[in-house]
Amino acid sequence: FSAYDFWQYFRNTEDADVGRFLKIF
């Protein structure tokens, strides 16, 4: 799973999850 695909995966995060995922990841 390429670094670009990984970046895109998180770029497509739902709005409501941004704060939570920033804390975790």
mmCIF file of all heavy atoms, coordinates in Angstrom:
data_MODEL
# 
_entry.id   MODEL 
# 
loop_
_atom_site.group_PDB 
_atom_site.id 
_atom_site.type_symbol 
_atom_site.label_atom_id 
_atom_site.label_alt_id 
_atom_site.label_comp_id 
_atom_site.label_asym_id 
_atom_site.label_entity_id 
_atom_site.label_seq_id 
_atom_site.pdbx_PDB_ins_code 
_atom_site.Cartn_x 
_atom_site.Cartn_y 
_atom_site.Cartn_z 
_atom_site.occupancy 
_atom_site.B_iso_or_equiv 
_atom_site.pdbx_formal_charge 
_atom_site.auth_seq_id 
_atom_site.auth_comp_id 
_atom_site.auth_asym_id 
_atom_site.auth_atom_id 
_atom_site.pdbx_PDB_model_num 
ATOM 1   N N   . PHE A 1 1  ? 0.886   -1.172 0.000  1.00 0.00 ? 1  PHE A N   1 
ATOM 2   C CA  . PHE A 1 1  ? 0.000   0.000  0.000  1.00 0.00 ? 1  PHE A CA  1 
ATOM 3   C C   . PHE A 1 1  ? 0.920   1.217  0.000  1.00 0.00 ? 1  PHE A C   1 
ATOM 4   O O   . PHE A 1 1  ? 1.560   1.506  0.997  1.00 0.00 ? 1  PHE A O   1 
ATOM 5   C CB  . PHE A 1 1  ? -0.901  -0.018 1.248  1.00 0.00 ? 1  PHE A CB  1 
ATOM 6   C CG  . PHE A 1 1  ? -2.143  0.820  1.141  1.00 0.00 ? 1  PHE A CG  1 
ATOM 7   C CD1 . PHE A 1 1  ? -3.249  0.351  0.449  1.00 0.00 ? 1  PHE A CD1 1 
ATOM 8   C CD2 . PHE A 1 1  ? -2.207  2.074  1.727  1.00 0.00 ? 1  PHE A CD2 1 
ATOM 9   C CE1 . PHE A 1 1  ? -4.403  1.123  0.355  1.00 0.00 ? 1  PHE A CE1 1 
ATOM 10  C CE2 . PHE A 1 1  ? -3.355  2.847  1.647  1.00 0.00 ? 1  PHE A CE2 1 
ATOM 11  C CZ  . PHE A 1 1  ? -4.460  2.375  0.957  1.00 0.00 ? 1  PHE A CZ  1 
ATOM 12  N N   . SER A 1 2  ? 0.996   1.904  -1.121 1.00 0.00 ? 2  SER A N   1 
ATOM 13  C CA  . SER A 1 2  ? 2.007   2.943  -1.305 1.00 0.00 ? 2  SER A CA  1 
ATOM 14  C C   . SER A 1 2  ? 1.815   4.119  -0.343 1.00 0.00 ? 2  SER A C   1 
ATOM 15  O O   . SER A 1 2  ? 0.723   4.332  0.205  1.00 0.00 ? 2  SER A O   1 
ATOM 16  C CB  . SER A 1 2  ? 1.966   3.471  -2.742 1.00 0.00 ? 2  SER A CB  1 
ATOM 17  O OG  . SER A 1 2  ? 0.797   4.263  -2.952 1.00 0.00 ? 2  SER A OG  1 
ATOM 18  N N   . ALA A 1 3  ? 2.883   4.883  -0.165 1.00 0.00 ? 3  ALA A N   1 
ATOM 19  C CA  . ALA A 1 3  ? 2.809   6.078  0.683  1.00 0.00 ? 3  ALA A CA  1 
ATOM 20  C C   . ALA A 1 3  ? 1.771   7.050  0.144  1.00 0.00 ? 3  ALA A C   1 
ATOM 21  O O   . ALA A 1 3  ? 1.057   7.709  0.917  1.00 0.00 ? 3  ALA A O   1 
ATOM 22  C CB  . ALA A 1 3  ? 4.179   6.746  0.761  1.00 0.00 ? 3  ALA A CB  1 
ATOM 23  N N   . TYR A 1 4  ? 1.660   7.130  -1.177 1.00 0.00 ? 4  TYR A N   1 
ATOM 24  C CA  . TYR A 1 4  ? 0.658   8.019  -1.776 1.00 0.00 ? 4  TYR A CA  1 
ATOM 25  C C   . TYR A 1 4  ? -0.755  7.536  -1.446 1.00 0.00 ? 4  TYR A C   1 
ATOM 26  O O   . TYR A 1 4  ? -1.628  8.329  -1.064 1.00 0.00 ? 4  TYR A O   1 
ATOM 27  C CB  . TYR A 1 4  ? 0.843   8.081  -3.297 1.00 0.00 ? 4  TYR A CB  1 
ATOM 28  C CG  . TYR A 1 4  ? -0.222  8.905  -3.998 1.00 0.00 ? 4  TYR A CG  1 
ATOM 29  C CD1 . TYR A 1 4  ? -0.124  10.289 -4.039 1.00 0.00 ? 4  TYR A CD1 1 
ATOM 30  C CD2 . TYR A 1 4  ? -1.322  8.296  -4.589 1.00 0.00 ? 4  TYR A CD2 1 
ATOM 31  C CE1 . TYR A 1 4  ? -1.106  11.047 -4.661 1.00 0.00 ? 4  TYR A CE1 1 
ATOM 32  C CE2 . TYR A 1 4  ? -2.307  9.047  -5.219 1.00 0.00 ? 4  TYR A CE2 1 
ATOM 33  C CZ  . TYR A 1 4  ? -2.191  10.419 -5.244 1.00 0.00 ? 4  TYR A CZ  1 
ATOM 34  O OH  . TYR A 1 4  ? -3.168  11.166 -5.845 1.00 0.00 ? 4  TYR A OH  1 
ATOM 35  N N   . ASP A 1 5  ? -1.013  6.240  -1.563 1.00 0.00 ? 5  ASP A N   1 
ATOM 36  C CA  . ASP A 1 5  ? -2.331  5.695  -1.224 1.00 0.00 ? 5  ASP A CA  1 
ATOM 37  C C   . ASP A 1 5  ? -2.634  5.913  0.263  1.00 0.00 ? 5  ASP A C   1 
ATOM 38  O O   . ASP A 1 5  ? -3.772  6.203  0.641  1.00 0.00 ? 5  ASP A O   1 
ATOM 39  C CB  . ASP A 1 5  ? -2.400  4.199  -1.547 1.00 0.00 ? 5  ASP A CB  1 
ATOM 40  C CG  . ASP A 1 5  ? -2.526  3.934  -3.039 1.00 0.00 ? 5  ASP A CG  1 
ATOM 41  O OD1 . ASP A 1 5  ? -3.038  4.812  -3.754 1.00 0.00 ? 5  ASP A OD1 1 
ATOM 42  O OD2 . ASP A 1 5  ? -2.092  2.858  -3.491 1.00 0.00 ? 5  ASP A OD2 1 
ATOM 43  N N   . PHE A 1 6  ? -1.606  5.757  1.095  1.00 0.00 ? 6  PHE A N   1 
ATOM 44  C CA  . PHE A 1 6  ? -1.770  5.964  2.533  1.00 0.00 ? 6  PHE A CA  1 
ATOM 45  C C   . PHE A 1 6  ? -2.141  7.421  2.806  1.00 0.00 ? 6  PHE A C   1 
ATOM 46  O O   . PHE A 1 6  ? -3.049  7.705  3.602  1.00 0.00 ? 6  PHE A O   1 
ATOM 47  C CB  . PHE A 1 6  ? -0.467  5.590  3.247  1.00 0.00 ? 6  PHE A CB  1 
ATOM 48  C CG  . PHE A 1 6  ? -0.598  5.401  4.733  1.00 0.00 ? 6  PHE A CG  1 
ATOM 49  C CD1 . PHE A 1 6  ? -0.993  4.181  5.259  1.00 0.00 ? 6  PHE A CD1 1 
ATOM 50  C CD2 . PHE A 1 6  ? -0.319  6.435  5.611  1.00 0.00 ? 6  PHE A CD2 1 
ATOM 51  C CE1 . PHE A 1 6  ? -1.127  3.995  6.633  1.00 0.00 ? 6  PHE A CE1 1 
ATOM 52  C CE2 . PHE A 1 6  ? -0.435  6.271  6.985  1.00 0.00 ? 6  PHE A CE2 1 
ATOM 53  C CZ  . PHE A 1 6  ? -0.839  5.045  7.496  1.00 0.00 ? 6  PHE A CZ  1 
ATOM 54  N N   . TRP A 1 7  ? -1.454  8.333  2.148  1.00 0.00 ? 7  TRP A N   1 
ATOM 55  C CA  . TRP A 1 7  ? -1.758  9.758  2.290  1.00 0.00 ? 7  TRP A CA  1 
ATOM 56  C C   . TRP A 1 7  ? -3.192  10.027 1.863  1.00 0.00 ? 7  TRP A C   1 
ATOM 57  O O   . TRP A 1 7  ? -3.940  10.720 2.557  1.00 0.00 ? 7  TRP A O   1 
ATOM 58  C CB  . TRP A 1 7  ? -0.778  10.580 1.440  1.00 0.00 ? 7  TRP A CB  1 
ATOM 59  C CG  . TRP A 1 7  ? -0.791  12.061 1.701  1.00 0.00 ? 7  TRP A CG  1 
ATOM 60  C CD1 . TRP A 1 7  ? 0.044   12.749 2.533  1.00 0.00 ? 7  TRP A CD1 1 
ATOM 61  C CD2 . TRP A 1 7  ? -1.673  13.033 1.122  1.00 0.00 ? 7  TRP A CD2 1 
ATOM 62  N NE1 . TRP A 1 7  ? -0.271  14.091 2.523  1.00 0.00 ? 7  TRP A NE1 1 
ATOM 63  C CE2 . TRP A 1 7  ? -1.321  14.294 1.664  1.00 0.00 ? 7  TRP A CE2 1 
ATOM 64  C CE3 . TRP A 1 7  ? -2.731  12.969 0.215  1.00 0.00 ? 7  TRP A CE3 1 
ATOM 65  C CZ2 . TRP A 1 7  ? -1.981  15.479 1.318  1.00 0.00 ? 7  TRP A CZ2 1 
ATOM 66  C CZ3 . TRP A 1 7  ? -3.399  14.143 -0.127 1.00 0.00 ? 7  TRP A CZ3 1 
ATOM 67  C CH2 . TRP A 1 7  ? -3.024  15.372 0.411  1.00 0.00 ? 7  TRP A CH2 1 
ATOM 68  N N   . GLN A 1 8  ? -3.584  9.496  0.724  1.00 0.00 ? 8  GLN A N   1 
ATOM 69  C CA  . GLN A 1 8  ? -4.945  9.702  0.215  1.00 0.00 ? 8  GLN A CA  1 
ATOM 70  C C   . GLN A 1 8  ? -6.003  9.133  1.161  1.00 0.00 ? 8  GLN A C   1 
ATOM 71  O O   . GLN A 1 8  ? -7.077  9.713  1.326  1.00 0.00 ? 8  GLN A O   1 
ATOM 72  C CB  . GLN A 1 8  ? -5.099  9.057  -1.164 1.00 0.00 ? 8  GLN A CB  1 
ATOM 73  C CG  . GLN A 1 8  ? -4.615  9.913  -2.309 1.00 0.00 ? 8  GLN A CG  1 
ATOM 74  C CD  . GLN A 1 8  ? -5.421  11.190 -2.430 1.00 0.00 ? 8  GLN A CD  1 
ATOM 75  O OE1 . GLN A 1 8  ? -6.632  11.210 -2.241 1.00 0.00 ? 8  GLN A OE1 1 
ATOM 76  N NE2 . GLN A 1 8  ? -4.741  12.282 -2.731 1.00 0.00 ? 8  GLN A NE2 1 
ATOM 77  N N   . TYR A 1 9  ? -5.683  7.998  1.771  1.00 0.00 ? 9  TYR A N   1 
ATOM 78  C CA  . TYR A 1 9  ? -6.629  7.381  2.699  1.00 0.00 ? 9  TYR A CA  1 
ATOM 79  C C   . TYR A 1 9  ? -6.983  8.353  3.823  1.00 0.00 ? 9  TYR A C   1 
ATOM 80  O O   . TYR A 1 9  ? -8.156  8.529  4.168  1.00 0.00 ? 9  TYR A O   1 
ATOM 81  C CB  . TYR A 1 9  ? -6.041  6.090  3.262  1.00 0.00 ? 9  TYR A CB  1 
ATOM 82  C CG  . TYR A 1 9  ? -6.937  5.403  4.270  1.00 0.00 ? 9  TYR A CG  1 
ATOM 83  C CD1 . TYR A 1 9  ? -8.018  4.635  3.845  1.00 0.00 ? 9  TYR A CD1 1 
ATOM 84  C CD2 . TYR A 1 9  ? -6.722  5.549  5.627  1.00 0.00 ? 9  TYR A CD2 1 
ATOM 85  C CE1 . TYR A 1 9  ? -8.860  4.023  4.762  1.00 0.00 ? 9  TYR A CE1 1 
ATOM 86  C CE2 . TYR A 1 9  ? -7.552  4.939  6.549  1.00 0.00 ? 9  TYR A CE2 1 
ATOM 87  C CZ  . TYR A 1 9  ? -8.620  4.184  6.114  1.00 0.00 ? 9  TYR A CZ  1 
ATOM 88  O OH  . TYR A 1 9  ? -9.459  3.583  7.037  1.00 0.00 ? 9  TYR A OH  1 
ATOM 89  N N   . PHE A 1 10 ? -5.979  8.990  4.393  1.00 0.00 ? 10 PHE A N   1 
ATOM 90  C CA  . PHE A 1 10 ? -6.244  9.937  5.485  1.00 0.00 ? 10 PHE A CA  1 
ATOM 91  C C   . PHE A 1 10 ? -6.781  11.267 4.967  1.00 0.00 ? 10 PHE A C   1 
ATOM 92  O O   . PHE A 1 10 ? -7.546  11.939 5.675  1.00 0.00 ? 10 PHE A O   1 
ATOM 93  C CB  . PHE A 1 10 ? -4.978  10.144 6.323  1.00 0.00 ? 10 PHE A CB  1 
ATOM 94  C CG  . PHE A 1 10 ? -4.770  9.055  7.339  1.00 0.00 ? 10 PHE A CG  1 
ATOM 95  C CD1 . PHE A 1 10 ? -3.911  7.998  7.077  1.00 0.00 ? 10 PHE A CD1 1 
ATOM 96  C CD2 . PHE A 1 10 ? -5.449  9.061  8.540  1.00 0.00 ? 10 PHE A CD2 1 
ATOM 97  C CE1 . PHE A 1 10 ? -3.737  6.976  8.006  1.00 0.00 ? 10 PHE A CE1 1 
ATOM 98  C CE2 . PHE A 1 10 ? -5.286  8.051  9.472  1.00 0.00 ? 10 PHE A CE2 1 
ATOM 99  C CZ  . PHE A 1 10 ? -4.423  7.004  9.206  1.00 0.00 ? 10 PHE A CZ  1 
ATOM 100 N N   . ARG A 1 11 ? -6.405  11.644 3.764  1.00 0.00 ? 11 ARG A N   1 
ATOM 101 C CA  . ARG A 1 11 ? -6.971  12.875 3.177  1.00 0.00 ? 11 ARG A CA  1 
ATOM 102 C C   . ARG A 1 11 ? -8.481  12.756 3.013  1.00 0.00 ? 11 ARG A C   1 
ATOM 103 O O   . ARG A 1 11 ? -9.215  13.751 3.096  1.00 0.00 ? 11 ARG A O   1 
ATOM 104 C CB  . ARG A 1 11 ? -6.303  13.144 1.820  1.00 0.00 ? 11 ARG A CB  1 
ATOM 105 C CG  . ARG A 1 11 ? -6.934  14.258 0.987  1.00 0.00 ? 11 ARG A CG  1 
ATOM 106 C CD  . ARG A 1 11 ? -6.858  15.589 1.692  1.00 0.00 ? 11 ARG A CD  1 
ATOM 107 N NE  . ARG A 1 11 ? -7.474  16.655 0.903  1.00 0.00 ? 11 ARG A NE  1 
ATOM 108 C CZ  . ARG A 1 11 ? -8.763  16.944 0.892  1.00 0.00 ? 11 ARG A CZ  1 
ATOM 109 N NH1 . ARG A 1 11 ? -9.605  16.219 1.642  1.00 0.00 ? 11 ARG A NH1 1 
ATOM 110 N NH2 . ARG A 1 11 ? -9.233  17.927 0.156  1.00 0.00 ? 11 ARG A NH2 1 
ATOM 111 N N   . ASN A 1 12 ? -8.967  11.545 2.827  1.00 0.00 ? 12 ASN A N   1 
ATOM 112 C CA  . ASN A 1 12 ? -10.403 11.323 2.630  1.00 0.00 ? 12 ASN A CA  1 
ATOM 113 C C   . ASN A 1 12 ? -11.155 11.080 3.941  1.00 0.00 ? 12 ASN A C   1 
ATOM 114 O O   . ASN A 1 12 ? -12.290 10.617 3.933  1.00 0.00 ? 12 ASN A O   1 
ATOM 115 C CB  . ASN A 1 12 ? -10.624 10.133 1.686  1.00 0.00 ? 12 ASN A CB  1 
ATOM 116 C CG  . ASN A 1 12 ? -10.125 10.429 0.286  1.00 0.00 ? 12 ASN A CG  1 
ATOM 117 O OD1 . ASN A 1 12 ? -10.119 11.573 -0.156 1.00 0.00 ? 12 ASN A OD1 1 
ATOM 118 N ND2 . ASN A 1 12 ? -9.688  9.398  -0.426 1.00 0.00 ? 12 ASN A ND2 1 
ATOM 119 N N   . THR A 1 13 ? -10.538 11.396 5.069  1.00 0.00 ? 13 THR A N   1 
ATOM 120 C CA  . THR A 1 13 ? -11.177 11.240 6.375  1.00 0.00 ? 13 THR A CA  1 
ATOM 121 C C   . THR A 1 13 ? -12.469 12.059 6.448  1.00 0.00 ? 13 THR A C   1 
ATOM 122 O O   . THR A 1 13 ? -12.544 13.175 5.931  1.00 0.00 ? 13 THR A O   1 
ATOM 123 C CB  . THR A 1 13 ? -10.219 11.715 7.495  1.00 0.00 ? 13 THR A CB  1 
ATOM 124 O OG1 . THR A 1 13 ? -9.073  10.857 7.505  1.00 0.00 ? 13 THR A OG1 1 
ATOM 125 C CG2 . THR A 1 13 ? -10.884 11.681 8.860  1.00 0.00 ? 13 THR A CG2 1 
ATOM 126 N N   . GLU A 1 14 ? -13.487 11.491 7.093  1.00 0.00 ? 14 GLU A N   1 
ATOM 127 C CA  . GLU A 1 14 ? -14.724 12.235 7.301  1.00 0.00 ? 14 GLU A CA  1 
ATOM 128 C C   . GLU A 1 14 ? -14.467 13.439 8.204  1.00 0.00 ? 14 GLU A C   1 
ATOM 129 O O   . GLU A 1 14 ? -13.635 13.380 9.113  1.00 0.00 ? 14 GLU A O   1 
ATOM 130 C CB  . GLU A 1 14 ? -15.782 11.325 7.947  1.00 0.00 ? 14 GLU A CB  1 
ATOM 131 C CG  . GLU A 1 14 ? -16.192 10.143 7.073  1.00 0.00 ? 14 GLU A CG  1 
ATOM 132 C CD  . GLU A 1 14 ? -17.151 9.199  7.794  1.00 0.00 ? 14 GLU A CD  1 
ATOM 133 O OE1 . GLU A 1 14 ? -17.846 9.660  8.715  1.00 0.00 ? 14 GLU A OE1 1 
ATOM 134 O OE2 . GLU A 1 14 ? -17.186 8.009  7.430  1.00 0.00 ? 14 GLU A OE2 1 
ATOM 135 N N   . ASP A 1 15 ? -15.185 14.530 7.965  1.00 0.00 ? 15 ASP A N   1 
ATOM 136 C CA  . ASP A 1 15 ? -14.967 15.769 8.728  1.00 0.00 ? 15 ASP A CA  1 
ATOM 137 C C   . ASP A 1 15 ? -15.008 15.528 10.232 1.00 0.00 ? 15 ASP A C   1 
ATOM 138 O O   . ASP A 1 15 ? -14.176 16.042 10.986 1.00 0.00 ? 15 ASP A O   1 
ATOM 139 C CB  . ASP A 1 15 ? -16.031 16.815 8.369  1.00 0.00 ? 15 ASP A CB  1 
ATOM 140 C CG  . ASP A 1 15 ? -15.888 17.331 6.941  1.00 0.00 ? 15 ASP A CG  1 
ATOM 141 O OD1 . ASP A 1 15 ? -14.971 16.864 6.234  1.00 0.00 ? 15 ASP A OD1 1 
ATOM 142 O OD2 . ASP A 1 15 ? -16.689 18.203 6.540  1.00 0.00 ? 15 ASP A OD2 1 
ATOM 143 N N   . ALA A 1 16 ? -15.989 14.735 10.667 1.00 0.00 ? 16 ALA A N   1 
ATOM 144 C CA  . ALA A 1 16 ? -16.191 14.525 12.106 1.00 0.00 ? 16 ALA A CA  1 
ATOM 145 C C   . ALA A 1 16 ? -15.067 13.724 12.757 1.00 0.00 ? 16 ALA A C   1 
ATOM 146 O O   . ALA A 1 16 ? -14.950 13.708 13.982 1.00 0.00 ? 16 ALA A O   1 
ATOM 147 C CB  . ALA A 1 16 ? -17.530 13.824 12.344 1.00 0.00 ? 16 ALA A CB  1 
ATOM 148 N N   . ASP A 1 17 ? -14.216 13.069 11.951 1.00 0.00 ? 17 ASP A N   1 
ATOM 149 C CA  . ASP A 1 17 ? -13.158 12.219 12.502 1.00 0.00 ? 17 ASP A CA  1 
ATOM 150 C C   . ASP A 1 17 ? -11.795 12.894 12.548 1.00 0.00 ? 17 ASP A C   1 
ATOM 151 O O   . ASP A 1 17 ? -10.845 12.325 13.085 1.00 0.00 ? 17 ASP A O   1 
ATOM 152 C CB  . ASP A 1 17 ? -13.029 10.930 11.668 1.00 0.00 ? 17 ASP A CB  1 
ATOM 153 C CG  . ASP A 1 17 ? -14.217 10.010 11.844 1.00 0.00 ? 17 ASP A CG  1 
ATOM 154 O OD1 . ASP A 1 17 ? -14.772 9.972  12.950 1.00 0.00 ? 17 ASP A OD1 1 
ATOM 155 O OD2 . ASP A 1 17 ? -14.595 9.342  10.860 1.00 0.00 ? 17 ASP A OD2 1 
ATOM 156 N N   . VAL A 1 18 ? -11.679 14.097 11.995 1.00 0.00 ? 18 VAL A N   1 
ATOM 157 C CA  . VAL A 1 18 ? -10.365 14.728 11.847 1.00 0.00 ? 18 VAL A CA  1 
ATOM 158 C C   . VAL A 1 18 ? -9.667  14.905 13.191 1.00 0.00 ? 18 VAL A C   1 
ATOM 159 O O   . VAL A 1 18 ? -8.511  14.513 13.378 1.00 0.00 ? 18 VAL A O   1 
ATOM 160 C CB  . VAL A 1 18 ? -10.477 16.071 11.110 1.00 0.00 ? 18 VAL A CB  1 
ATOM 161 C CG1 . VAL A 1 18 ? -9.145  16.820 11.147 1.00 0.00 ? 18 VAL A CG1 1 
ATOM 162 C CG2 . VAL A 1 18 ? -10.907 15.846 9.666  1.00 0.00 ? 18 VAL A CG2 1 
ATOM 163 N N   . GLY A 1 19 ? -10.355 15.498 14.165 1.00 0.00 ? 19 GLY A N   1 
ATOM 164 C CA  . GLY A 1 19 ? -9.745  15.731 15.475 1.00 0.00 ? 19 GLY A CA  1 
ATOM 165 C C   . GLY A 1 19 ? -9.331  14.438 16.150 1.00 0.00 ? 19 GLY A C   1 
ATOM 166 O O   . GLY A 1 19 ? -8.220  14.328 16.707 1.00 0.00 ? 19 GLY A O   1 
ATOM 167 N N   . ARG A 1 20 ? -10.204 13.439 16.107 1.00 0.00 ? 20 ARG A N   1 
ATOM 168 C CA  . ARG A 1 20 ? -9.923  12.154 16.753 1.00 0.00 ? 20 ARG A CA  1 
ATOM 169 C C   . ARG A 1 20 ? -8.724  11.460 16.103 1.00 0.00 ? 20 ARG A C   1 
ATOM 170 O O   . ARG A 1 20 ? -7.849  10.924 16.789 1.00 0.00 ? 20 ARG A O   1 
ATOM 171 C CB  . ARG A 1 20 ? -11.169 11.275 16.669 1.00 0.00 ? 20 ARG A CB  1 
ATOM 172 C CG  . ARG A 1 20 ? -11.108 9.977  17.448 1.00 0.00 ? 20 ARG A CG  1 
ATOM 173 C CD  . ARG A 1 20 ? -12.502 9.412  17.667 1.00 0.00 ? 20 ARG A CD  1 
ATOM 174 N NE  . ARG A 1 20 ? -13.197 9.186  16.413 1.00 0.00 ? 20 ARG A NE  1 
ATOM 175 C CZ  . ARG A 1 20 ? -13.410 7.977  15.879 1.00 0.00 ? 20 ARG A CZ  1 
ATOM 176 N NH1 . ARG A 1 20 ? -12.987 6.904  16.510 1.00 0.00 ? 20 ARG A NH1 1 
ATOM 177 N NH2 . ARG A 1 20 ? -14.067 7.838  14.753 1.00 0.00 ? 20 ARG A NH2 1 
ATOM 178 N N   . PHE A 1 21 ? -8.669  11.467 14.788 1.00 0.00 ? 21 PHE A N   1 
ATOM 179 C CA  . PHE A 1 21 ? -7.580  10.792 14.083 1.00 0.00 ? 21 PHE A CA  1 
ATOM 180 C C   . PHE A 1 21 ? -6.257  11.540 14.245 1.00 0.00 ? 21 PHE A C   1 
ATOM 181 O O   . PHE A 1 21 ? -5.190  10.926 14.245 1.00 0.00 ? 21 PHE A O   1 
ATOM 182 C CB  . PHE A 1 21 ? -7.918  10.618 12.603 1.00 0.00 ? 21 PHE A CB  1 
ATOM 183 C CG  . PHE A 1 21 ? -8.987  9.579  12.343 1.00 0.00 ? 21 PHE A CG  1 
ATOM 184 C CD1 . PHE A 1 21 ? -9.589  8.898  13.393 1.00 0.00 ? 21 PHE A CD1 1 
ATOM 185 C CD2 . PHE A 1 21 ? -9.392  9.285  11.046 1.00 0.00 ? 21 PHE A CD2 1 
ATOM 186 C CE1 . PHE A 1 21 ? -10.581 7.941  13.160 1.00 0.00 ? 21 PHE A CE1 1 
ATOM 187 C CE2 . PHE A 1 21 ? -10.367 8.332  10.800 1.00 0.00 ? 21 PHE A CE2 1 
ATOM 188 C CZ  . PHE A 1 21 ? -10.962 7.662  11.850 1.00 0.00 ? 21 PHE A CZ  1 
ATOM 189 N N   . LEU A 1 22 ? -6.296  12.860 14.354 1.00 0.00 ? 22 LEU A N   1 
ATOM 190 C CA  . LEU A 1 22 ? -5.077  13.614 14.624 1.00 0.00 ? 22 LEU A CA  1 
ATOM 191 C C   . LEU A 1 22 ? -4.474  13.199 15.970 1.00 0.00 ? 22 LEU A C   1 
ATOM 192 O O   . LEU A 1 22 ? -3.258  13.074 16.112 1.00 0.00 ? 22 LEU A O   1 
ATOM 193 C CB  . LEU A 1 22 ? -5.368  15.116 14.627 1.00 0.00 ? 22 LEU A CB  1 
ATOM 194 C CG  . LEU A 1 22 ? -5.474  15.794 13.254 1.00 0.00 ? 22 LEU A CG  1 
ATOM 195 C CD1 . LEU A 1 22 ? -6.114  17.172 13.391 1.00 0.00 ? 22 LEU A CD1 1 
ATOM 196 C CD2 . LEU A 1 22 ? -4.108  15.915 12.581 1.00 0.00 ? 22 LEU A CD2 1 
ATOM 197 N N   . LYS A 1 23 ? -5.330  12.972 16.960 1.00 0.00 ? 23 LYS A N   1 
ATOM 198 C CA  . LYS A 1 23 ? -4.849  12.543 18.277 1.00 0.00 ? 23 LYS A CA  1 
ATOM 199 C C   . LYS A 1 23 ? -4.237  11.150 18.224 1.00 0.00 ? 23 LYS A C   1 
ATOM 200 O O   . LYS A 1 23 ? -3.209  10.886 18.849 1.00 0.00 ? 23 LYS A O   1 
ATOM 201 C CB  . LYS A 1 23 ? -6.004  12.546 19.287 1.00 0.00 ? 23 LYS A CB  1 
ATOM 202 C CG  . LYS A 1 23 ? -6.495  13.913 19.702 1.00 0.00 ? 23 LYS A CG  1 
ATOM 203 C CD  . LYS A 1 23 ? -7.621  13.773 20.719 1.00 0.00 ? 23 LYS A CD  1 
ATOM 204 C CE  . LYS A 1 23 ? -8.152  15.122 21.165 1.00 0.00 ? 23 LYS A CE  1 
ATOM 205 N NZ  . LYS A 1 23 ? -9.266  14.961 22.144 1.00 0.00 ? 23 LYS A NZ  1 
ATOM 206 N N   . ILE A 1 24 ? -4.869  10.254 17.474 1.00 0.00 ? 24 ILE A N   1 
ATOM 207 C CA  . ILE A 1 24 ? -4.446  8.856  17.467 1.00 0.00 ? 24 ILE A CA  1 
ATOM 208 C C   . ILE A 1 24 ? -3.255  8.609  16.548 1.00 0.00 ? 24 ILE A C   1 
ATOM 209 O O   . ILE A 1 24 ? -2.295  7.924  16.928 1.00 0.00 ? 24 ILE A O   1 
ATOM 210 C CB  . ILE A 1 24 ? -5.631  7.949  17.055 1.00 0.00 ? 24 ILE A CB  1 
ATOM 211 C CG1 . ILE A 1 24 ? -6.723  7.991  18.125 1.00 0.00 ? 24 ILE A CG1 1 
ATOM 212 C CG2 . ILE A 1 24 ? -5.163  6.508  16.824 1.00 0.00 ? 24 ILE A CG2 1 
ATOM 213 C CD1 . ILE A 1 24 ? -8.007  7.285  17.723 1.00 0.00 ? 24 ILE A CD1 1 
ATOM 214 N N   . PHE A 1 25 ? -3.293  9.178  15.350 1.00 0.00 ? 25 PHE A N   1 
ATOM 215 C CA  . PHE A 1 25 ? -2.328  8.784  14.322 1.00 0.00 ? 25 PHE A CA  1 
ATOM 216 C C   . PHE A 1 25 ? -1.176  9.759  14.098 1.00 0.00 ? 25 PHE A C   1 
ATOM 217 O O   . PHE A 1 25 ? -0.301  9.485  13.271 1.00 0.00 ? 25 PHE A O   1 
ATOM 218 C CB  . PHE A 1 25 ? -3.056  8.550  12.993 1.00 0.00 ? 25 PHE A CB  1 
ATOM 219 C CG  . PHE A 1 25 ? -3.996  7.378  13.020 1.00 0.00 ? 25 PHE A CG  1 
ATOM 220 C CD1 . PHE A 1 25 ? -5.369  7.573  13.040 1.00 0.00 ? 25 PHE A CD1 1 
ATOM 221 C CD2 . PHE A 1 25 ? -3.513  6.087  13.043 1.00 0.00 ? 25 PHE A CD2 1 
ATOM 222 C CE1 . PHE A 1 25 ? -6.246  6.494  13.077 1.00 0.00 ? 25 PHE A CE1 1 
ATOM 223 C CE2 . PHE A 1 25 ? -4.375  4.999  13.077 1.00 0.00 ? 25 PHE A CE2 1 
ATOM 224 C CZ  . PHE A 1 25 ? -5.745  5.203  13.094 1.00 0.00 ? 25 PHE A CZ  1 
# 
